[in-house]
Amino acid sequence: MIVGGLATVFHGYLRFTADSDLVINLEQQEAEKAIKLITSPGLQARLPVDPMDFTFESIRESWIENKNMLVFTFYDPENPVLVVDIFVREPMPFSELSKKAIMLNMDGETVPVCDIGHLIAMKQNAGRGKDLEDIKYLQVILDGQK
């Protein structure tokens, strides 16, 4: 599911974002499917580890605990500015996010995008300056939908 700056853009606040942030279902079988899909076009893990290590909860937890990791990053070696970050811990339950996801058609593929309410909540939890700025604009968009 697309979250972060790219989801903000999809909801109508046009601003620059340098990467794509994803939240995936972290159940092992689902995570394996996601990692295979992400690596199939040639994206590589930025860390010198097997990307499938991400699918193991114990490994993710050690990254969180020992490295303060928030996201696991993939990049395209032929275009290093193409970056995909996957949350190593669900910012909120994936099942909750997926119930309200907005399905968008991108080049013939259906892609889930985080709904605006959950996106605002995630950005509030992050609390970074750019997230707080996004919230102002997302709230105006949300209020206009009511």
N, C-alpha and C. Protein backbone atom coordinates (compact mmCIF):
# COMPACT_ATOMS: atom_id res chain seq x y z
N MET A 1 0.84 -1.16 0.00
CA MET A 1 0.00 0.00 0.00
C MET A 1 0.89 1.23 0.00
N ILE A 2 0.56 2.17 -0.86
CA ILE A 2 1.33 3.41 -0.97
C ILE A 2 0.93 4.34 0.17
N VAL A 3 1.93 4.86 0.87
CA VAL A 3 1.73 5.82 1.95
C VAL A 3 2.71 6.97 1.74
N GLY A 4 2.86 7.84 2.70
CA GLY A 4 3.87 8.89 2.63
C GLY A 4 3.59 9.96 1.61
N GLY A 5 4.68 10.55 1.09
CA GLY A 5 4.58 11.67 0.16
C GLY A 5 3.84 11.33 -1.12
N LEU A 6 4.06 10.15 -1.65
CA LEU A 6 3.39 9.77 -2.89
C LEU A 6 1.88 9.66 -2.68
N ALA A 7 1.46 9.10 -1.55
CA ALA A 7 0.03 9.03 -1.24
C ALA A 7 -0.53 10.45 -1.08
N THR A 8 0.26 11.33 -0.48
CA THR A 8 -0.16 12.72 -0.33
C THR A 8 -0.43 13.34 -1.69
N VAL A 9 0.45 13.10 -2.64
CA VAL A 9 0.28 13.60 -4.00
C VAL A 9 -0.97 13.01 -4.64
N PHE A 10 -1.19 11.70 -4.47
CA PHE A 10 -2.38 11.06 -5.05
C PHE A 10 -3.67 11.67 -4.49
N HIS A 11 -3.62 12.16 -3.27
CA HIS A 11 -4.82 12.76 -2.66
C HIS A 11 -5.02 14.21 -3.08
N GLY A 12 -4.05 14.78 -3.79
CA GLY A 12 -4.29 16.10 -4.36
C GLY A 12 -3.39 17.22 -3.89
N TYR A 13 -2.45 16.96 -3.00
CA TYR A 13 -1.50 17.99 -2.60
C TYR A 13 -0.21 17.73 -3.37
N LEU A 14 0.01 18.55 -4.39
CA LEU A 14 1.16 18.35 -5.26
C LEU A 14 2.41 18.92 -4.62
N ARG A 15 3.30 18.03 -4.25
CA ARG A 15 4.58 18.42 -3.68
C ARG A 15 5.61 17.39 -4.09
N PHE A 16 6.87 17.79 -4.01
CA PHE A 16 7.96 16.90 -4.40
C PHE A 16 8.14 15.78 -3.38
N THR A 17 8.35 14.59 -3.89
CA THR A 17 8.74 13.48 -3.03
C THR A 17 9.81 12.69 -3.76
N ALA A 18 10.82 12.26 -3.03
CA ALA A 18 11.96 11.61 -3.66
C ALA A 18 11.86 10.09 -3.66
N ASP A 19 10.95 9.53 -2.86
CA ASP A 19 10.89 8.08 -2.77
C ASP A 19 9.44 7.62 -2.73
N SER A 20 9.27 6.33 -2.75
CA SER A 20 7.94 5.73 -2.59
C SER A 20 7.95 4.97 -1.28
N ASP A 21 7.00 5.30 -0.42
CA ASP A 21 6.88 4.64 0.87
C ASP A 21 5.75 3.63 0.81
N LEU A 22 6.03 2.41 1.30
CA LEU A 22 5.03 1.35 1.28
C LEU A 22 4.85 0.74 2.66
N VAL A 23 3.62 0.36 2.93
CA VAL A 23 3.31 -0.48 4.08
C VAL A 23 2.81 -1.78 3.47
N ILE A 24 3.40 -2.89 3.87
CA ILE A 24 2.97 -4.18 3.36
C ILE A 24 2.48 -5.05 4.51
N ASN A 25 1.73 -6.06 4.15
CA ASN A 25 1.31 -7.05 5.13
C ASN A 25 2.57 -7.81 5.57
N LEU A 26 2.87 -7.79 6.86
CA LEU A 26 4.12 -8.38 7.35
C LEU A 26 4.01 -9.85 7.75
N GLU A 27 2.84 -10.46 7.51
CA GLU A 27 2.77 -11.91 7.70
C GLU A 27 3.75 -12.52 6.70
N GLN A 28 4.50 -13.53 7.14
CA GLN A 28 5.64 -13.99 6.34
C GLN A 28 5.30 -14.31 4.89
N GLN A 29 4.25 -15.07 4.63
CA GLN A 29 3.92 -15.44 3.25
C GLN A 29 3.58 -14.20 2.42
N GLU A 30 2.86 -13.26 3.02
CA GLU A 30 2.50 -12.04 2.30
C GLU A 30 3.72 -11.17 2.07
N ALA A 31 4.59 -11.09 3.07
CA ALA A 31 5.82 -10.31 2.93
C ALA A 31 6.71 -10.90 1.83
N GLU A 32 6.77 -12.23 1.76
CA GLU A 32 7.56 -12.89 0.71
C GLU A 32 7.03 -12.49 -0.67
N LYS A 33 5.72 -12.50 -0.85
CA LYS A 33 5.12 -12.11 -2.13
C LYS A 33 5.51 -10.67 -2.48
N ALA A 34 5.42 -9.79 -1.49
CA ALA A 34 5.73 -8.38 -1.72
C ALA A 34 7.20 -8.19 -2.10
N ILE A 35 8.10 -8.85 -1.39
CA ILE A 35 9.53 -8.68 -1.67
C ILE A 35 9.85 -9.23 -3.07
N LYS A 36 9.26 -10.34 -3.43
CA LYS A 36 9.48 -10.89 -4.78
C LYS A 36 8.98 -9.92 -5.84
N LEU A 37 7.83 -9.30 -5.59
CA LEU A 37 7.27 -8.33 -6.54
C LEU A 37 8.18 -7.10 -6.65
N ILE A 38 8.68 -6.63 -5.53
CA ILE A 38 9.53 -5.43 -5.52
C ILE A 38 10.87 -5.70 -6.21
N THR A 39 11.43 -6.89 -6.00
CA THR A 39 12.74 -7.18 -6.59
C THR A 39 12.65 -7.67 -8.03
N SER A 40 11.47 -8.06 -8.49
CA SER A 40 11.34 -8.62 -9.85
C SER A 40 11.78 -7.66 -10.96
N PRO A 41 11.56 -6.35 -10.84
CA PRO A 41 12.06 -5.47 -11.91
C PRO A 41 13.52 -5.07 -11.75
N GLY A 42 14.21 -5.64 -10.75
CA GLY A 42 15.64 -5.36 -10.58
C GLY A 42 15.98 -4.47 -9.39
N LEU A 43 14.99 -4.08 -8.59
CA LEU A 43 15.31 -3.29 -7.40
C LEU A 43 16.14 -4.15 -6.45
N GLN A 44 17.08 -3.50 -5.78
CA GLN A 44 17.97 -4.21 -4.86
C GLN A 44 17.91 -3.58 -3.48
N ALA A 45 18.15 -4.39 -2.48
CA ALA A 45 18.21 -3.88 -1.11
C ALA A 45 19.42 -2.97 -0.97
N ARG A 46 19.22 -1.85 -0.30
CA ARG A 46 20.35 -0.94 -0.07
C ARG A 46 21.35 -1.55 0.91
N LEU A 47 20.85 -2.31 1.89
CA LEU A 47 21.73 -3.00 2.83
C LEU A 47 22.33 -4.24 2.17
N PRO A 48 23.51 -4.62 2.57
CA PRO A 48 24.13 -5.82 1.99
C PRO A 48 23.59 -7.10 2.66
N VAL A 49 22.29 -7.32 2.49
CA VAL A 49 21.63 -8.51 3.04
C VAL A 49 20.73 -9.09 1.97
N ASP A 50 20.34 -10.33 2.15
CA ASP A 50 19.37 -10.96 1.28
C ASP A 50 18.03 -10.25 1.51
N PRO A 51 17.39 -9.71 0.47
CA PRO A 51 16.12 -9.01 0.65
C PRO A 51 15.05 -9.87 1.33
N MET A 52 15.15 -11.18 1.18
CA MET A 52 14.16 -12.06 1.80
C MET A 52 14.32 -12.09 3.32
N ASP A 53 15.45 -11.61 3.85
CA ASP A 53 15.60 -11.50 5.30
C ASP A 53 14.50 -10.62 5.89
N PHE A 54 14.05 -9.67 5.10
CA PHE A 54 12.98 -8.77 5.55
C PHE A 54 11.73 -9.53 5.97
N THR A 55 11.50 -10.69 5.39
CA THR A 55 10.25 -11.43 5.64
C THR A 55 10.21 -12.10 7.01
N PHE A 56 11.34 -12.14 7.70
CA PHE A 56 11.40 -12.78 9.00
C PHE A 56 11.21 -11.75 10.11
N GLU A 57 10.18 -11.93 10.91
CA GLU A 57 9.87 -10.98 11.98
C GLU A 57 11.04 -10.80 12.93
N SER A 58 11.71 -11.89 13.28
CA SER A 58 12.82 -11.79 14.24
C SER A 58 13.95 -10.93 13.68
N ILE A 59 14.20 -11.01 12.40
CA ILE A 59 15.26 -10.19 11.79
C ILE A 59 14.83 -8.73 11.77
N ARG A 60 13.57 -8.48 11.36
CA ARG A 60 13.09 -7.09 11.37
C ARG A 60 13.17 -6.49 12.77
N GLU A 61 12.77 -7.27 13.76
CA GLU A 61 12.81 -6.78 15.15
C GLU A 61 14.24 -6.47 15.58
N SER A 62 15.21 -7.29 15.15
CA SER A 62 16.60 -7.00 15.51
C SER A 62 17.08 -5.73 14.81
N TRP A 63 16.65 -5.49 13.58
CA TRP A 63 17.00 -4.25 12.88
C TRP A 63 16.43 -3.05 13.62
N ILE A 64 15.18 -3.19 14.07
CA ILE A 64 14.53 -2.09 14.79
C ILE A 64 15.28 -1.83 16.10
N GLU A 65 15.55 -2.90 16.83
CA GLU A 65 16.17 -2.77 18.15
C GLU A 65 17.63 -2.33 18.08
N ASN A 66 18.40 -2.93 17.16
CA ASN A 66 19.84 -2.68 17.11
C ASN A 66 20.26 -1.56 16.18
N LYS A 67 19.42 -1.27 15.18
CA LYS A 67 19.80 -0.26 14.18
C LYS A 67 18.83 0.92 14.16
N ASN A 68 17.80 0.88 15.02
CA ASN A 68 16.77 1.93 15.01
C ASN A 68 16.13 2.09 13.63
N MET A 69 16.01 0.99 12.92
CA MET A 69 15.50 1.02 11.56
C MET A 69 13.99 1.26 11.55
N LEU A 70 13.57 2.16 10.67
CA LEU A 70 12.14 2.42 10.46
C LEU A 70 11.67 1.85 9.13
N VAL A 71 12.56 1.93 8.13
CA VAL A 71 12.21 1.44 6.80
C VAL A 71 13.36 0.62 6.22
N PHE A 72 13.00 -0.29 5.35
CA PHE A 72 13.97 -1.10 4.61
C PHE A 72 13.95 -0.56 3.19
N THR A 73 15.10 -0.19 2.67
CA THR A 73 15.16 0.54 1.41
C THR A 73 15.62 -0.33 0.25
N PHE A 74 14.92 -0.16 -0.87
CA PHE A 74 15.30 -0.77 -2.15
C PHE A 74 15.60 0.36 -3.12
N TYR A 75 16.51 0.09 -4.06
CA TYR A 75 16.82 1.11 -5.07
C TYR A 75 17.08 0.41 -6.40
N ASP A 76 17.02 1.19 -7.45
CA ASP A 76 17.30 0.69 -8.79
C ASP A 76 18.76 1.02 -9.11
N PRO A 77 19.63 0.01 -9.28
CA PRO A 77 21.05 0.30 -9.53
C PRO A 77 21.28 1.07 -10.83
N GLU A 78 20.33 0.99 -11.76
CA GLU A 78 20.47 1.74 -13.01
C GLU A 78 19.93 3.16 -12.89
N ASN A 79 19.15 3.41 -11.85
CA ASN A 79 18.60 4.73 -11.60
C ASN A 79 18.52 4.92 -10.08
N PRO A 80 19.65 5.23 -9.43
CA PRO A 80 19.71 5.26 -7.97
C PRO A 80 18.74 6.22 -7.28
N VAL A 81 18.13 7.15 -8.03
CA VAL A 81 17.15 8.03 -7.40
C VAL A 81 15.79 7.35 -7.27
N LEU A 82 15.62 6.20 -7.92
CA LEU A 82 14.38 5.42 -7.77
C LEU A 82 14.52 4.60 -6.49
N VAL A 83 13.81 5.02 -5.46
CA VAL A 83 13.94 4.43 -4.13
C VAL A 83 12.56 4.03 -3.62
N VAL A 84 12.50 2.84 -3.03
CA VAL A 84 11.28 2.34 -2.40
C VAL A 84 11.61 1.99 -0.96
N ASP A 85 10.89 2.60 -0.03
CA ASP A 85 11.07 2.32 1.39
C ASP A 85 9.86 1.53 1.89
N ILE A 86 10.13 0.43 2.60
CA ILE A 86 9.07 -0.39 3.18
C ILE A 86 9.19 -0.30 4.70
N PHE A 87 8.08 0.02 5.35
CA PHE A 87 8.09 0.09 6.81
C PHE A 87 8.42 -1.29 7.39
N VAL A 88 9.34 -1.33 8.35
CA VAL A 88 9.71 -2.60 8.98
C VAL A 88 8.73 -2.99 10.08
N ARG A 89 7.91 -2.05 10.48
CA ARG A 89 6.84 -2.32 11.44
C ARG A 89 5.60 -1.60 10.91
N GLU A 90 4.46 -2.26 10.96
CA GLU A 90 3.24 -1.62 10.48
C GLU A 90 2.93 -0.41 11.36
N PRO A 91 2.79 0.78 10.76
CA PRO A 91 2.48 1.96 11.56
C PRO A 91 1.08 1.88 12.19
N MET A 92 0.23 1.09 11.60
CA MET A 92 -1.07 0.70 12.13
C MET A 92 -1.41 -0.61 11.47
N PRO A 93 -2.32 -1.39 12.05
CA PRO A 93 -2.57 -2.72 11.50
C PRO A 93 -2.89 -2.69 9.99
N PHE A 94 -2.19 -3.54 9.25
CA PHE A 94 -2.37 -3.59 7.80
C PHE A 94 -3.82 -3.87 7.44
N SER A 95 -4.47 -4.75 8.20
CA SER A 95 -5.87 -5.09 7.90
C SER A 95 -6.76 -3.85 8.00
N GLU A 96 -6.47 -2.98 8.96
CA GLU A 96 -7.23 -1.74 9.12
C GLU A 96 -6.98 -0.80 7.94
N LEU A 97 -5.72 -0.67 7.55
CA LEU A 97 -5.37 0.18 6.41
C LEU A 97 -6.01 -0.32 5.12
N SER A 98 -5.97 -1.62 4.92
CA SER A 98 -6.46 -2.17 3.64
C SER A 98 -7.97 -2.05 3.50
N LYS A 99 -8.70 -2.02 4.61
CA LYS A 99 -10.16 -1.88 4.53
C LYS A 99 -10.58 -0.56 3.90
N LYS A 100 -9.80 0.49 4.13
CA LYS A 100 -10.16 1.82 3.63
C LYS A 100 -9.28 2.29 2.48
N ALA A 101 -8.42 1.42 2.00
CA ALA A 101 -7.51 1.82 0.91
C ALA A 101 -8.30 2.25 -0.32
N ILE A 102 -7.72 3.17 -1.03
CA ILE A 102 -8.28 3.63 -2.30
C ILE A 102 -7.51 2.91 -3.39
N MET A 103 -8.24 2.27 -4.28
CA MET A 103 -7.60 1.52 -5.35
C MET A 103 -7.45 2.42 -6.58
N LEU A 104 -6.21 2.62 -7.02
CA LEU A 104 -5.92 3.44 -8.19
C LEU A 104 -5.37 2.59 -9.32
N ASN A 105 -5.69 2.98 -10.53
CA ASN A 105 -5.17 2.29 -11.71
C ASN A 105 -3.93 3.05 -12.17
N MET A 106 -2.80 2.36 -12.15
CA MET A 106 -1.54 2.96 -12.61
C MET A 106 -0.98 2.08 -13.72
N ASP A 107 -1.03 2.59 -14.92
CA ASP A 107 -0.51 1.85 -16.07
C ASP A 107 -1.09 0.44 -16.16
N GLY A 108 -2.39 0.32 -15.91
CA GLY A 108 -3.06 -0.97 -16.03
C GLY A 108 -2.98 -1.85 -14.80
N GLU A 109 -2.28 -1.40 -13.78
CA GLU A 109 -2.17 -2.15 -12.53
C GLU A 109 -2.99 -1.46 -11.45
N THR A 110 -3.70 -2.23 -10.66
CA THR A 110 -4.45 -1.67 -9.55
C THR A 110 -3.53 -1.61 -8.33
N VAL A 111 -3.41 -0.42 -7.76
CA VAL A 111 -2.48 -0.18 -6.66
C VAL A 111 -3.25 0.43 -5.48
N PRO A 112 -3.11 -0.16 -4.28
CA PRO A 112 -3.79 0.43 -3.12
C PRO A 112 -3.02 1.63 -2.57
N VAL A 113 -3.77 2.69 -2.28
CA VAL A 113 -3.21 3.91 -1.70
C VAL A 113 -3.91 4.14 -0.36
N CYS A 114 -3.15 4.49 0.62
CA CYS A 114 -3.68 4.75 1.96
C CYS A 114 -4.74 5.84 1.89
N ASP A 115 -5.87 5.62 2.57
CA ASP A 115 -6.92 6.64 2.60
C ASP A 115 -6.40 7.86 3.36
N ILE A 116 -7.04 8.98 3.12
CA ILE A 116 -6.54 10.25 3.65
C ILE A 116 -6.58 10.31 5.18
N GLY A 117 -7.59 9.72 5.80
CA GLY A 117 -7.67 9.74 7.26
C GLY A 117 -6.52 9.00 7.92
N HIS A 118 -6.23 7.80 7.43
CA HIS A 118 -5.10 7.04 7.98
C HIS A 118 -3.76 7.71 7.64
N LEU A 119 -3.68 8.31 6.46
CA LEU A 119 -2.46 9.00 6.06
C LEU A 119 -2.17 10.16 7.03
N ILE A 120 -3.21 10.92 7.36
CA ILE A 120 -3.05 12.02 8.32
C ILE A 120 -2.58 11.47 9.67
N ALA A 121 -3.19 10.37 10.12
CA ALA A 121 -2.80 9.77 11.41
C ALA A 121 -1.34 9.33 11.39
N MET A 122 -0.89 8.72 10.29
CA MET A 122 0.52 8.29 10.19
C MET A 122 1.45 9.48 10.24
N LYS A 123 1.07 10.54 9.54
CA LYS A 123 1.91 11.73 9.52
C LYS A 123 1.94 12.42 10.88
N GLN A 124 0.82 12.39 11.60
CA GLN A 124 0.81 12.94 12.97
C GLN A 124 1.75 12.14 13.86
N ASN A 125 1.74 10.83 13.72
CA ASN A 125 2.63 9.98 14.53
C ASN A 125 4.10 10.24 14.21
N ALA A 126 4.40 10.49 12.93
CA ALA A 126 5.79 10.76 12.54
C ALA A 126 6.23 12.11 13.09
N GLY A 127 5.36 13.10 12.97
CA GLY A 127 5.61 14.41 13.57
C GLY A 127 6.74 15.23 12.99
N ARG A 128 7.27 14.82 11.85
CA ARG A 128 8.34 15.61 11.23
C ARG A 128 7.76 16.89 10.62
N GLY A 129 8.59 17.87 10.40
CA GLY A 129 8.13 19.14 9.84
C GLY A 129 7.37 18.98 8.54
N LYS A 130 7.92 18.18 7.62
CA LYS A 130 7.24 18.01 6.33
C LYS A 130 5.92 17.27 6.49
N ASP A 131 5.83 16.37 7.46
CA ASP A 131 4.58 15.67 7.70
C ASP A 131 3.53 16.62 8.25
N LEU A 132 3.93 17.49 9.17
CA LEU A 132 3.00 18.45 9.73
C LEU A 132 2.50 19.43 8.67
N GLU A 133 3.39 19.78 7.75
CA GLU A 133 3.00 20.64 6.62
C GLU A 133 2.00 19.91 5.73
N ASP A 134 2.28 18.65 5.42
CA ASP A 134 1.35 17.84 4.61
C ASP A 134 -0.03 17.77 5.26
N ILE A 135 -0.06 17.59 6.57
CA ILE A 135 -1.33 17.44 7.29
C ILE A 135 -2.23 18.64 7.06
N LYS A 136 -1.65 19.84 7.07
CA LYS A 136 -2.46 21.05 6.86
C LYS A 136 -3.21 20.97 5.53
N TYR A 137 -2.49 20.58 4.49
CA TYR A 137 -3.11 20.51 3.15
C TYR A 137 -4.05 19.32 3.03
N LEU A 138 -3.65 18.18 3.60
CA LEU A 138 -4.52 16.99 3.55
C LEU A 138 -5.83 17.24 4.30
N GLN A 139 -5.76 17.97 5.41
CA GLN A 139 -6.98 18.26 6.18
C GLN A 139 -7.93 19.14 5.36
N VAL A 140 -7.41 20.10 4.62
CA VAL A 140 -8.25 20.93 3.75
C VAL A 140 -8.92 20.07 2.69
N ILE A 141 -8.16 19.15 2.10
CA ILE A 141 -8.71 18.24 1.08
C ILE A 141 -9.78 17.37 1.71
N LEU A 142 -9.50 16.81 2.89
CA LEU A 142 -10.47 15.95 3.58
C LEU A 142 -11.74 16.73 3.92
N ASP A 143 -11.59 17.94 4.44
CA ASP A 143 -12.76 18.75 4.77
C ASP A 143 -13.60 19.06 3.53
N GLY A 144 -12.95 19.21 2.39
CA GLY A 144 -13.67 19.47 1.14
C GLY A 144 -14.43 18.26 0.62
N GLN A 145 -14.08 17.07 1.09
CA GLN A 145 -14.76 15.84 0.67
C GLN A 145 -16.03 15.57 1.47
N LYS A 146 -16.20 16.30 2.58
CA LYS A 146 -17.35 16.05 3.46
C LYS A 146 -18.59 16.76 2.98
